[in-house]
Amino acid sequence: MFEVDKEKIGLVIKQARKNMKLKQYELAEMAGFSEKHLCRIENGKYLPKLEHFLSLVSILKLSLADFGMVENESEMSQIKTKMINKIVQADENKLKIYEEMFDYTEKIIEKSLHKV
């Protein structure tokens, strides 16, 4: 199972921000949340919400490979690629719907695993 490493995510975001010569307050403003929240993300204290993560990835021109989530994006299945593209291109309303769908789906899967 894939484990989320908050510290690694924060370091990748911090380094990408510095490479683009952006200050924390500038990136936070562009992404639509507070500088304090970005600071906590960069320091590995908080895991960004999906919408914040997608905003940061888009602004900083990052890929999943940058976070070590895939060795090489060409190794990703077509289904994953299609889903990720839908999420990245979605507006805020669709993102909320996708998030709810994923949450409910995970709950259903978890319950079905415990019944076995």
PDB file of N, CA and C in Angstrom:
ATOM      1  N   MET A   1       0.838  -1.186   0.000  1.00  0.00           N
ATOM      2  CA  MET A   1       0.000   0.000   0.000  1.00  0.00           C
ATOM      3  C   MET A   1       0.882   1.248   0.000  1.00  0.00           C
ATOM      4  N   PHE A   2       0.446   2.269  -0.682  1.00  0.00           N
ATOM      5  CA  PHE A   2       1.197   3.512  -0.803  1.00  0.00           C
ATOM      6  C   PHE A   2       1.036   4.350   0.457  1.00  0.00           C
ATOM      7  N   GLU A   3       2.135   4.775   1.045  1.00  0.00           N
ATOM      8  CA  GLU A   3       2.113   5.628   2.230  1.00  0.00           C
ATOM      9  C   GLU A   3       2.479   7.049   1.822  1.00  0.00           C
ATOM     10  N   VAL A   4       1.770   8.013   2.371  1.00  0.00           N
ATOM     11  CA  VAL A   4       2.017   9.412   2.067  1.00  0.00           C
ATOM     12  C   VAL A   4       3.095   9.941   3.009  1.00  0.00           C
ATOM     13  N   ASP A   5       4.118  10.520   2.440  1.00  0.00           N
ATOM     14  CA  ASP A   5       5.217  11.099   3.212  1.00  0.00           C
ATOM     15  C   ASP A   5       5.072  12.618   3.190  1.00  0.00           C
ATOM     16  N   LYS A   6       4.481  13.178   4.259  1.00  0.00           N
ATOM     17  CA  LYS A   6       4.234  14.619   4.330  1.00  0.00           C
ATOM     18  C   LYS A   6       5.527  15.416   4.200  1.00  0.00           C
ATOM     19  N   GLU A   7       6.590  14.916   4.814  1.00  0.00           N
ATOM     20  CA  GLU A   7       7.862  15.642   4.777  1.00  0.00           C
ATOM     21  C   GLU A   7       8.416  15.716   3.359  1.00  0.00           C
ATOM     22  N   LYS A   8       8.342  14.599   2.633  1.00  0.00           N
ATOM     23  CA  LYS A   8       8.855  14.587   1.257  1.00  0.00           C
ATOM     24  C   LYS A   8       8.024  15.512   0.366  1.00  0.00           C
ATOM     25  N   ILE A   9       6.719  15.471   0.525  1.00  0.00           N
ATOM     26  CA  ILE A   9       5.846  16.350  -0.262  1.00  0.00           C
ATOM     27  C   ILE A   9       6.203  17.802   0.025  1.00  0.00           C
ATOM     28  N   GLY A  10       6.381  18.123   1.302  1.00  0.00           N
ATOM     29  CA  GLY A  10       6.736  19.491   1.677  1.00  0.00           C
ATOM     30  C   GLY A  10       8.072  19.929   1.100  1.00  0.00           C
ATOM     31  N   LEU A  11       9.062  19.045   1.145  1.00  0.00           N
ATOM     32  CA  LEU A  11      10.382  19.384   0.604  1.00  0.00           C
ATOM     33  C   LEU A  11      10.340  19.602  -0.901  1.00  0.00           C
ATOM     34  N   VAL A  12       9.592  18.781  -1.607  1.00  0.00           N
ATOM     35  CA  VAL A  12       9.490  18.933  -3.067  1.00  0.00           C
ATOM     36  C   VAL A  12       8.831  20.269  -3.400  1.00  0.00           C
ATOM     37  N   ILE A  13       7.762  20.599  -2.688  1.00  0.00           N
ATOM     38  CA  ILE A  13       7.062  21.869  -2.928  1.00  0.00           C
ATOM     39  C   ILE A  13       7.975  23.043  -2.599  1.00  0.00           C
ATOM     40  N   LYS A  14       8.663  22.970  -1.473  1.00  0.00           N
ATOM     41  CA  LYS A  14       9.566  24.050  -1.058  1.00  0.00           C
ATOM     42  C   LYS A  14      10.681  24.270  -2.095  1.00  0.00           C
ATOM     43  N   GLN A  15      11.293  23.182  -2.548  1.00  0.00           N
ATOM     44  CA  GLN A  15      12.384  23.292  -3.516  1.00  0.00           C
ATOM     45  C   GLN A  15      11.880  23.852  -4.843  1.00  0.00           C
ATOM     46  N   ALA A  16      10.712  23.396  -5.282  1.00  0.00           N
ATOM     47  CA  ALA A  16      10.153  23.893  -6.546  1.00  0.00           C
ATOM     48  C   ALA A  16       9.823  25.379  -6.435  1.00  0.00           C
ATOM     49  N   ARG A  17       9.303  25.793  -5.281  1.00  0.00           N
ATOM     50  CA  ARG A  17       9.000  27.213  -5.058  1.00  0.00           C
ATOM     51  C   ARG A  17      10.276  28.041  -5.126  1.00  0.00           C
ATOM     52  N   LYS A  18      11.318  27.554  -4.476  1.00  0.00           N
ATOM     53  CA  LYS A  18      12.597  28.279  -4.484  1.00  0.00           C
ATOM     54  C   LYS A  18      13.199  28.318  -5.886  1.00  0.00           C
ATOM     55  N   ASN A  19      13.060  27.223  -6.624  1.00  0.00           N
ATOM     56  CA  ASN A  19      13.579  27.194  -8.000  1.00  0.00           C
ATOM     57  C   ASN A  19      12.877  28.216  -8.889  1.00  0.00           C
ATOM     58  N   MET A  20      11.602  28.473  -8.582  1.00  0.00           N
ATOM     59  CA  MET A  20      10.848  29.468  -9.350  1.00  0.00           C
ATOM     60  C   MET A  20      11.015  30.874  -8.778  1.00  0.00           C
ATOM     61  N   LYS A  21      11.858  30.971  -7.733  1.00  0.00           N
ATOM     62  CA  LYS A  21      12.161  32.245  -7.083  1.00  0.00           C
ATOM     63  C   LYS A  21      10.898  32.941  -6.550  1.00  0.00           C
ATOM     64  N   LEU A  22      10.028  32.130  -5.956  1.00  0.00           N
ATOM     65  CA  LEU A  22       8.812  32.649  -5.343  1.00  0.00           C
ATOM     66  C   LEU A  22       8.968  32.672  -3.829  1.00  0.00           C
ATOM     67  N   LYS A  23       8.425  33.676  -3.197  1.00  0.00           N
ATOM     68  CA  LYS A  23       8.353  33.743  -1.740  1.00  0.00           C
ATOM     69  C   LYS A  23       7.149  32.923  -1.302  1.00  0.00           C
ATOM     70  N   GLN A  24       7.152  32.491  -0.034  1.00  0.00           N
ATOM     71  CA  GLN A  24       6.014  31.706   0.456  1.00  0.00           C
ATOM     72  C   GLN A  24       4.700  32.454   0.289  1.00  0.00           C
ATOM     73  N   TYR A  25       4.679  33.738   0.644  1.00  0.00           N
ATOM     74  CA  TYR A  25       3.431  34.484   0.560  1.00  0.00           C
ATOM     75  C   TYR A  25       2.946  34.594  -0.881  1.00  0.00           C
ATOM     76  N   GLU A  26       3.883  34.657  -1.834  1.00  0.00           N
ATOM     77  CA  GLU A  26       3.490  34.749  -3.247  1.00  0.00           C
ATOM     78  C   GLU A  26       2.827  33.457  -3.720  1.00  0.00           C
ATOM     79  N   LEU A  27       3.460  32.323  -3.402  1.00  0.00           N
ATOM     80  CA  LEU A  27       2.897  31.040  -3.813  1.00  0.00           C
ATOM     81  C   LEU A  27       1.568  30.791  -3.108  1.00  0.00           C
ATOM     82  N   ALA A  28       1.507  31.097  -1.817  1.00  0.00           N
ATOM     83  CA  ALA A  28       0.264  30.887  -1.069  1.00  0.00           C
ATOM     84  C   ALA A  28      -0.875  31.705  -1.679  1.00  0.00           C
ATOM     85  N   GLU A  29      -0.597  32.937  -2.031  1.00  0.00           N
ATOM     86  CA  GLU A  29      -1.612  33.795  -2.645  1.00  0.00           C
ATOM     87  C   GLU A  29      -2.061  33.221  -3.993  1.00  0.00           C
ATOM     88  N   MET A  30      -1.110  32.767  -4.791  1.00  0.00           N
ATOM     89  CA  MET A  30      -1.437  32.176  -6.091  1.00  0.00           C
ATOM     90  C   MET A  30      -2.285  30.913  -5.933  1.00  0.00           C
ATOM     91  N   ALA A  31      -2.004  30.132  -4.883  1.00  0.00           N
ATOM     92  CA  ALA A  31      -2.695  28.866  -4.661  1.00  0.00           C
ATOM     93  C   ALA A  31      -4.025  29.045  -3.925  1.00  0.00           C
ATOM     94  N   GLY A  32      -4.223  30.205  -3.320  1.00  0.00           N
ATOM     95  CA  GLY A  32      -5.508  30.499  -2.685  1.00  0.00           C
ATOM     96  C   GLY A  32      -5.626  30.093  -1.227  1.00  0.00           C
ATOM     97  N   PHE A  33      -4.511  30.077  -0.506  1.00  0.00           N
ATOM     98  CA  PHE A  33      -4.573  29.820   0.924  1.00  0.00           C
ATOM     99  C   PHE A  33      -3.485  30.622   1.630  1.00  0.00           C
ATOM    100  N   SER A  34      -3.420  30.518   2.963  1.00  0.00           N
ATOM    101  CA  SER A  34      -2.529  31.386   3.734  1.00  0.00           C
ATOM    102  C   SER A  34      -1.058  30.958   3.660  1.00  0.00           C
ATOM    103  N   GLU A  35      -0.205  31.941   3.891  1.00  0.00           N
ATOM    104  CA  GLU A  35       1.235  31.682   3.950  1.00  0.00           C
ATOM    105  C   GLU A  35       1.556  30.721   5.095  1.00  0.00           C
ATOM    106  N   LYS A  36       0.860  30.875   6.213  1.00  0.00           N
ATOM    107  CA  LYS A  36       1.068  30.006   7.371  1.00  0.00           C
ATOM    108  C   LYS A  36       0.764  28.547   7.009  1.00  0.00           C
ATOM    109  N   HIS A  37      -0.307  28.338   6.247  1.00  0.00           N
ATOM    110  CA  HIS A  37      -0.674  26.984   5.829  1.00  0.00           C
ATOM    111  C   HIS A  37       0.410  26.409   4.908  1.00  0.00           C
ATOM    112  N   LEU A  38       0.899  27.211   3.974  1.00  0.00           N
ATOM    113  CA  LEU A  38       1.958  26.761   3.070  1.00  0.00           C
ATOM    114  C   LEU A  38       3.218  26.417   3.863  1.00  0.00           C
ATOM    115  N   CYS A  39       3.550  27.234   4.833  1.00  0.00           N
ATOM    116  CA  CYS A  39       4.720  26.981   5.678  1.00  0.00           C
ATOM    117  C   CYS A  39       4.599  25.620   6.354  1.00  0.00           C
ATOM    118  N   ARG A  40       3.434  25.317   6.864  1.00  0.00           N
ATOM    119  CA  ARG A  40       3.218  24.028   7.537  1.00  0.00           C
ATOM    120  C   ARG A  40       3.297  22.862   6.553  1.00  0.00           C
ATOM    121  N   ILE A  41       2.817  23.080   5.325  1.00  0.00           N
ATOM    122  CA  ILE A  41       2.926  22.042   4.292  1.00  0.00           C
ATOM    123  C   ILE A  41       4.395  21.806   3.963  1.00  0.00           C
ATOM    124  N   GLU A  42       5.124  22.892   3.711  1.00  0.00           N
ATOM    125  CA  GLU A  42       6.537  22.780   3.341  1.00  0.00           C
ATOM    126  C   GLU A  42       7.381  22.143   4.449  1.00  0.00           C
ATOM    127  N   ASN A  43       6.988  22.354   5.686  1.00  0.00           N
ATOM    128  CA  ASN A  43       7.736  21.784   6.814  1.00  0.00           C
ATOM    129  C   ASN A  43       7.264  20.386   7.190  1.00  0.00           C
ATOM    130  N   GLY A  44       6.359  19.817   6.393  1.00  0.00           N
ATOM    131  CA  GLY A  44       5.907  18.454   6.634  1.00  0.00           C
ATOM    132  C   GLY A  44       4.963  18.293   7.803  1.00  0.00           C
ATOM    133  N   LYS A  45       4.384  19.386   8.275  1.00  0.00           N
ATOM    134  CA  LYS A  45       3.437  19.327   9.398  1.00  0.00           C
ATOM    135  C   LYS A  45       2.026  18.995   8.923  1.00  0.00           C
ATOM    136  N   TYR A  46       1.658  19.519   7.759  1.00  0.00           N
ATOM    137  CA  TYR A  46       0.325  19.304   7.192  1.00  0.00           C
ATOM    138  C   TYR A  46       0.443  18.614   5.844  1.00  0.00           C
ATOM    139  N   LEU A  47      -0.528  17.801   5.550  1.00  0.00           N
ATOM    140  CA  LEU A  47      -0.680  17.229   4.221  1.00  0.00           C
ATOM    141  C   LEU A  47      -1.695  18.113   3.511  1.00  0.00           C
ATOM    142  N   PRO A  48      -1.361  18.663   2.346  1.00  0.00           N
ATOM    143  CA  PRO A  48      -2.311  19.559   1.695  1.00  0.00           C
ATOM    144  C   PRO A  48      -3.573  18.834   1.247  1.00  0.00           C
ATOM    145  N   LYS A  49      -4.705  19.547   1.321  1.00  0.00           N
ATOM    146  CA  LYS A  49      -5.943  19.004   0.782  1.00  0.00           C
ATOM    147  C   LYS A  49      -5.734  18.795  -0.719  1.00  0.00           C
ATOM    148  N   LEU A  50      -6.519  17.928  -1.293  1.00  0.00           N
ATOM    149  CA  LEU A  50      -6.374  17.601  -2.704  1.00  0.00           C
ATOM    150  C   LEU A  50      -6.397  18.850  -3.575  1.00  0.00           C
ATOM    151  N   GLU A  51      -7.341  19.749  -3.340  1.00  0.00           N
ATOM    152  CA  GLU A  51      -7.437  20.945  -4.175  1.00  0.00           C
ATOM    153  C   GLU A  51      -6.201  21.832  -4.030  1.00  0.00           C
ATOM    154  N   HIS A  52      -5.648  21.913  -2.823  1.00  0.00           N
ATOM    155  CA  HIS A  52      -4.430  22.704  -2.613  1.00  0.00           C
ATOM    156  C   HIS A  52      -3.238  22.026  -3.272  1.00  0.00           C
ATOM    157  N   PHE A  53      -3.159  20.706  -3.124  1.00  0.00           N
ATOM    158  CA  PHE A  53      -2.072  19.952  -3.748  1.00  0.00           C
ATOM    159  C   PHE A  53      -2.096  20.147  -5.263  1.00  0.00           C
ATOM    160  N   LEU A  54      -3.269  20.034  -5.857  1.00  0.00           N
ATOM    161  CA  LEU A  54      -3.378  20.187  -7.310  1.00  0.00           C
ATOM    162  C   LEU A  54      -3.031  21.602  -7.753  1.00  0.00           C
ATOM    163  N   SER A  55      -3.418  22.595  -6.963  1.00  0.00           N
ATOM    164  CA  SER A  55      -3.045  23.975  -7.282  1.00  0.00           C
ATOM    165  C   SER A  55      -1.527  24.150  -7.253  1.00  0.00           C
ATOM    166  N   LEU A  56      -0.905  23.634  -6.202  1.00  0.00           N
ATOM    167  CA  LEU A  56       0.547  23.753  -6.076  1.00  0.00           C
ATOM    168  C   LEU A  56       1.262  23.030  -7.210  1.00  0.00           C
ATOM    169  N   VAL A  57       0.817  21.825  -7.519  1.00  0.00           N
ATOM    170  CA  VAL A  57       1.426  21.046  -8.599  1.00  0.00           C
ATOM    171  C   VAL A  57       1.318  21.798  -9.924  1.00  0.00           C
ATOM    172  N   SER A  58       0.157  22.388 -10.156  1.00  0.00           N
ATOM    173  CA  SER A  58      -0.058  23.133 -11.403  1.00  0.00           C
ATOM    174  C   SER A  58       0.815  24.387 -11.460  1.00  0.00           C
ATOM    175  N   ILE A  59       0.815  25.169 -10.398  1.00  0.00           N
ATOM    176  CA  ILE A  59       1.586  26.419 -10.356  1.00  0.00           C
ATOM    177  C   ILE A  59       3.084  26.136 -10.484  1.00  0.00           C
ATOM    178  N   LEU A  60       3.546  25.112  -9.772  1.00  0.00           N
ATOM    179  CA  LEU A  60       4.974  24.804  -9.742  1.00  0.00           C
ATOM    180  C   LEU A  60       5.420  23.880 -10.871  1.00  0.00           C
ATOM    181  N   LYS A  61       4.461  23.479 -11.709  1.00  0.00           N
ATOM    182  CA  LYS A  61       4.733  22.613 -12.863  1.00  0.00           C
ATOM    183  C   LYS A  61       5.428  21.314 -12.438  1.00  0.00           C
ATOM    184  N   LEU A  62       4.857  20.689 -11.411  1.00  0.00           N
ATOM    185  CA  LEU A  62       5.393  19.437 -10.885  1.00  0.00           C
ATOM    186  C   LEU A  62       4.617  18.251 -11.458  1.00  0.00           C
ATOM    187  N   SER A  63       5.203  17.072 -11.337  1.00  0.00           N
ATOM    188  CA  SER A  63       4.530  15.849 -11.759  1.00  0.00           C
ATOM    189  C   SER A  63       4.564  14.863 -10.595  1.00  0.00           C
ATOM    190  N   LEU A  64       3.810  13.791 -10.708  1.00  0.00           N
ATOM    191  CA  LEU A  64       3.825  12.767  -9.661  1.00  0.00           C
ATOM    192  C   LEU A  64       5.210  12.166  -9.496  1.00  0.00           C
ATOM    193  N   ALA A  65       5.948  12.084 -10.587  1.00  0.00           N
ATOM    194  CA  ALA A  65       7.311  11.544 -10.515  1.00  0.00           C
ATOM    195  C   ALA A  65       8.192  12.408  -9.613  1.00  0.00           C
ATOM    196  N   ASP A  66       7.942  13.720  -9.567  1.00  0.00           N
ATOM    197  CA  ASP A  66       8.721  14.612  -8.702  1.00  0.00           C
ATOM    198  C   ASP A  66       8.557  14.254  -7.221  1.00  0.00           C
ATOM    199  N   PHE A  67       7.422  13.677  -6.883  1.00  0.00           N
ATOM    200  CA  PHE A  67       7.136  13.307  -5.502  1.00  0.00           C
ATOM    201  C   PHE A  67       7.500  11.861  -5.199  1.00  0.00           C
ATOM    202  N   GLY A  68       8.039  11.160  -6.198  1.00  0.00           N
ATOM    203  CA  GLY A  68       8.387   9.759  -6.012  1.00  0.00           C
ATOM    204  C   GLY A  68       7.182   8.845  -5.994  1.00  0.00           C
ATOM    205  N   MET A  69       6.053   9.332  -6.490  1.00  0.00           N
ATOM    206  CA  MET A  69       4.836   8.523  -6.494  1.00  0.00           C
ATOM    207  C   MET A  69       4.840   7.510  -7.626  1.00  0.00           C
ATOM    208  N   VAL A  70       5.609   7.789  -8.646  1.00  0.00           N
ATOM    209  CA  VAL A  70       5.818   6.835  -9.733  1.00  0.00           C
ATOM    210  C   VAL A  70       7.270   6.987 -10.164  1.00  0.00           C
ATOM    211  N   GLU A  71       7.880   5.923 -10.562  1.00  0.00           N
ATOM    212  CA  GLU A  71       9.259   5.975 -11.031  1.00  0.00           C
ATOM    213  C   GLU A  71       9.351   6.830 -12.286  1.00  0.00           C
ATOM    214  N   ASN A  72       8.418   6.575 -13.154  1.00  0.00           N
ATOM    215  CA  ASN A  72       8.406   7.234 -14.446  1.00  0.00           C
ATOM    216  C   ASN A  72       6.951   7.319 -14.857  1.00  0.00           C
ATOM    217  N   GLU A  73       6.504   8.488 -15.267  1.00  0.00           N
ATOM    218  CA  GLU A  73       5.088   8.636 -15.576  1.00  0.00           C
ATOM    219  C   GLU A  73       4.637   7.703 -16.683  1.00  0.00           C
ATOM    220  N   SER A  74       5.554   7.235 -17.531  1.00  0.00           N
ATOM    221  CA  SER A  74       5.157   6.306 -18.579  1.00  0.00           C
ATOM    222  C   SER A  74       4.791   4.944 -17.993  1.00  0.00           C
ATOM    223  N   GLU A  75       5.205   4.679 -16.733  1.00  0.00           N
ATOM    224  CA  GLU A  75       4.875   3.425 -16.071  1.00  0.00           C
ATOM    225  C   GLU A  75       3.459   3.432 -15.500  1.00  0.00           C
ATOM    226  N   MET A  76       2.843   4.600 -15.451  1.00  0.00           N
ATOM    227  CA  MET A  76       1.500   4.691 -14.926  1.00  0.00           C
ATOM    228  C   MET A  76       0.513   4.029 -15.872  1.00  0.00           C
ATOM    229  N   SER A  77      -0.461   3.372 -15.305  1.00  0.00           N
ATOM    230  CA  SER A  77      -1.472   2.745 -16.146  1.00  0.00           C
ATOM    231  C   SER A  77      -2.296   3.812 -16.855  1.00  0.00           C
ATOM    232  N   GLN A  78      -2.926   3.422 -17.923  1.00  0.00           N
ATOM    233  CA  GLN A  78      -3.768   4.350 -18.674  1.00  0.00           C
ATOM    234  C   GLN A  78      -4.929   4.840 -17.824  1.00  0.00           C
ATOM    235  N   ILE A  79      -5.454   3.969 -16.974  1.00  0.00           N
ATOM    236  CA  ILE A  79      -6.581   4.350 -16.116  1.00  0.00           C
ATOM    237  C   ILE A  79      -6.152   5.443 -15.137  1.00  0.00           C
ATOM    238  N   LYS A  80      -4.990   5.273 -14.490  1.00  0.00           N
ATOM    239  CA  LYS A  80      -4.498   6.287 -13.556  1.00  0.00           C
ATOM    240  C   LYS A  80      -4.261   7.606 -14.277  1.00  0.00           C
ATOM    241  N   THR A  81      -3.644   7.528 -15.439  1.00  0.00           N
ATOM    242  CA  THR A  81      -3.366   8.742 -16.207  1.00  0.00           C
ATOM    243  C   THR A  81      -4.656   9.468 -16.552  1.00  0.00           C
ATOM    244  N   LYS A  82      -5.643   8.728 -16.976  1.00  0.00           N
ATOM    245  CA  LYS A  82      -6.934   9.321 -17.348  1.00  0.00           C
ATOM    246  C   LYS A  82      -7.589   9.985 -16.130  1.00  0.00           C
ATOM    247  N   MET A  83      -7.563   9.294 -14.986  1.00  0.00           N
ATOM    248  CA  MET A  83      -8.165   9.852 -13.777  1.00  0.00           C
ATOM    249  C   MET A  83      -7.430  11.104 -13.313  1.00  0.00           C
ATOM    250  N   ILE A  84      -6.118  11.061 -13.325  1.00  0.00           N
ATOM    251  CA  ILE A  84      -5.325  12.215 -12.893  1.00  0.00           C
ATOM    252  C   ILE A  84      -5.585  13.407 -13.802  1.00  0.00           C
ATOM    253  N   ASN A  85      -5.649  13.181 -15.102  1.00  0.00           N
ATOM    254  CA  ASN A  85      -5.923  14.271 -16.043  1.00  0.00           C
ATOM    255  C   ASN A  85      -7.288  14.884 -15.792  1.00  0.00           C
ATOM    256  N   LYS A  86      -8.289  14.060 -15.492  1.00  0.00           N
ATOM    257  CA  LYS A  86      -9.624  14.590 -15.188  1.00  0.00           C
ATOM    258  C   LYS A  86      -9.577  15.466 -13.948  1.00  0.00           C
ATOM    259  N   ILE A  87      -8.856  15.019 -12.929  1.00  0.00           N
ATOM    260  CA  ILE A  87      -8.770  15.787 -11.689  1.00  0.00           C
ATOM    261  C   ILE A  87      -8.040  17.105 -11.915  1.00  0.00           C
ATOM    262  N   VAL A  88      -6.922  17.053 -12.617  1.00  0.00           N
ATOM    263  CA  VAL A  88      -6.124  18.261 -12.849  1.00  0.00           C
ATOM    264  C   VAL A  88      -6.907  19.298 -13.654  1.00  0.00           C
ATOM    265  N   GLN A  89      -7.725  18.846 -14.578  1.00  0.00           N
ATOM    266  CA  GLN A  89      -8.470  19.757 -15.449  1.00  0.00           C
ATOM    267  C   GLN A  89      -9.816  20.187 -14.866  1.00  0.00           C
ATOM    268  N   ALA A  90     -10.212  19.606 -13.742  1.00  0.00           N
ATOM    269  CA  ALA A  90     -11.519  19.879 -13.161  1.00  0.00           C
ATOM    270  C   ALA A  90     -11.585  21.250 -12.509  1.00  0.00           C
ATOM    271  N   ASP A  91     -12.792  21.839 -12.579  1.00  0.00           N
ATOM    272  CA  ASP A  91     -13.015  23.080 -11.848  1.00  0.00           C
ATOM    273  C   ASP A  91     -13.325  22.735 -10.390  1.00  0.00           C
ATOM    274  N   GLU A  92     -13.494  23.740  -9.555  1.00  0.00           N
ATOM    275  CA  GLU A  92     -13.691  23.520  -8.115  1.00  0.00           C
ATOM    276  C   GLU A  92     -14.921  22.660  -7.832  1.00  0.00           C
ATOM    277  N   ASN A  93     -16.009  22.869  -8.563  1.00  0.00           N
ATOM    278  CA  ASN A  93     -17.229  22.092  -8.335  1.00  0.00           C
ATOM    279  C   ASN A  93     -16.993  20.609  -8.617  1.00  0.00           C
ATOM    280  N   LYS A  94     -16.341  20.316  -9.723  1.00  0.00           N
ATOM    281  CA  LYS A  94     -16.056  18.916 -10.054  1.00  0.00           C
ATOM    282  C   LYS A  94     -15.082  18.309  -9.053  1.00  0.00           C
ATOM    283  N   LEU A  95     -14.093  19.089  -8.607  1.00  0.00           N
ATOM    284  CA  LEU A  95     -13.144  18.573  -7.621  1.00  0.00           C
ATOM    285  C   LEU A  95     -13.847  18.137  -6.340  1.00  0.00           C
ATOM    286  N   LYS A  96     -14.818  18.927  -5.896  1.00  0.00           N
ATOM    287  CA  LYS A  96     -15.554  18.571  -4.686  1.00  0.00           C
ATOM    288  C   LYS A  96     -16.325  17.272  -4.896  1.00  0.00           C
ATOM    289  N   ILE A  97     -16.912  17.123  -6.063  1.00  0.00           N
ATOM    290  CA  ILE A  97     -17.650  15.897  -6.373  1.00  0.00           C
ATOM    291  C   ILE A  97     -16.700  14.710  -6.426  1.00  0.00           C
ATOM    292  N   TYR A  98     -15.561  14.870  -7.107  1.00  0.00           N
ATOM    293  CA  TYR A  98     -14.580  13.786  -7.179  1.00  0.00           C
ATOM    294  C   TYR A  98     -14.109  13.396  -5.781  1.00  0.00           C
ATOM    295  N   GLU A  99     -13.844  14.385  -4.947  1.00  0.00           N
ATOM    296  CA  GLU A  99     -13.374  14.100  -3.593  1.00  0.00           C
ATOM    297  C   GLU A  99     -14.412  13.294  -2.818  1.00  0.00           C
ATOM    298  N   GLU A 100     -15.684  13.697  -2.904  1.00  0.00           N
ATOM    299  CA  GLU A 100     -16.756  12.958  -2.229  1.00  0.00           C
ATOM    300  C   GLU A 100     -16.852  11.536  -2.769  1.00  0.00           C
ATOM    301  N   MET A 101     -16.743  11.396  -4.086  1.00  0.00           N
ATOM    302  CA  MET A 101     -16.816  10.065  -4.689  1.00  0.00           C
ATOM    303  C   MET A 101     -15.691   9.171  -4.175  1.00  0.00           C
ATOM    304  N   PHE A 102     -14.479   9.709  -4.128  1.00  0.00           N
ATOM    305  CA  PHE A 102     -13.343   8.927  -3.631  1.00  0.00           C
ATOM    306  C   PHE A 102     -13.538   8.557  -2.161  1.00  0.00           C
ATOM    307  N   ASP A 103     -14.000   9.510  -1.350  1.00  0.00           N
ATOM    308  CA  ASP A 103     -14.219   9.235   0.073  1.00  0.00           C
ATOM    309  C   ASP A 103     -15.239   8.116   0.264  1.00  0.00           C
ATOM    310  N   TYR A 104     -16.375   8.215  -0.433  1.00  0.00           N
ATOM    311  CA  TYR A 104     -17.410   7.185  -0.304  1.00  0.00           C
ATOM    312  C   TYR A 104     -16.915   5.839  -0.821  1.00  0.00           C
ATOM    313  N   THR A 105     -16.204   5.860  -1.927  1.00  0.00           N
ATOM    314  CA  THR A 105     -15.684   4.621  -2.496  1.00  0.00           C
ATOM    315  C   THR A 105     -14.712   3.956  -1.538  1.00  0.00           C
ATOM    316  N   GLU A 106     -13.823   4.742  -0.927  1.00  0.00           N
ATOM    317  CA  GLU A 106     -12.875   4.181   0.039  1.00  0.00           C
ATOM    318  C   GLU A 106     -13.594   3.563   1.229  1.00  0.00           C
ATOM    319  N   LYS A 107     -14.664   4.214   1.700  1.00  0.00           N
ATOM    320  CA  LYS A 107     -15.434   3.672   2.823  1.00  0.00           C
ATOM    321  C   LYS A 107     -16.088   2.347   2.445  1.00  0.00           C
ATOM    322  N   ILE A 108     -16.634   2.290   1.253  1.00  0.00           N
ATOM    323  CA  ILE A 108     -17.276   1.057   0.785  1.00  0.00           C
ATOM    324  C   ILE A 108     -16.245  -0.070   0.684  1.00  0.00           C
ATOM    325  N   ILE A 109     -15.089   0.224   0.117  1.00  0.00           N
ATOM    326  CA  ILE A 109     -14.030  -0.784  -0.017  1.00  0.00           C
ATOM    327  C   ILE A 109     -13.574  -1.251   1.357  1.00  0.00           C
ATOM    328  N   GLU A 110     -13.373  -0.317   2.270  1.00  0.00           N
ATOM    329  CA  GLU A 110     -12.926  -0.655   3.621  1.00  0.00           C
ATOM    330  C   GLU A 110     -13.942  -1.559   4.323  1.00  0.00           C
ATOM    331  N   LYS A 111     -15.214  -1.238   4.196  1.00  0.00           N
ATOM    332  CA  LYS A 111     -16.245  -2.062   4.827  1.00  0.00           C
ATOM    333  C   LYS A 111     -16.290  -3.450   4.212  1.00  0.00           C
ATOM    334  N   SER A 112     -16.137  -3.524   2.909  1.00  0.00           N
ATOM    335  CA  SER A 112     -16.200  -4.823   2.248  1.00  0.00           C
ATOM    336  C   SER A 112     -14.996  -5.697   2.628  1.00  0.00           C
ATOM    337  N   LEU A 113     -13.847  -5.087   2.864  1.00  0.00           N
ATOM    338  CA  LEU A 113     -12.661  -5.837   3.273  1.00  0.00           C
ATOM    339  C   LEU A 113     -12.813  -6.394   4.684  1.00  0.00           C
ATOM    340  N   HIS A 114     -13.503  -5.675   5.553  1.00  0.00           N
ATOM    341  CA  HIS A 114     -13.678  -6.116   6.933  1.00  0.00           C
ATOM    342  C   HIS A 114     -14.754  -7.196   7.067  1.00  0.00           C
ATOM    343  N   LYS A 115     -15.618  -7.333   6.054  1.00  0.00           N
ATOM    344  CA  LYS A 115     -16.675  -8.346   6.089  1.00  0.00           C
ATOM    345  C   LYS A 115     -16.129  -9.723   5.765  1.00  0.00           C
ATOM    346  N   VAL A 116     -15.006  -9.784   5.046  1.00  0.00           N
ATOM    347  CA  VAL A 116     -14.455 -11.058   4.592  1.00  0.00           C
ATOM    348  C   VAL A 116     -13.880 -11.862   5.721  1.00  0.00           C
TER     349      VAL A 116
END
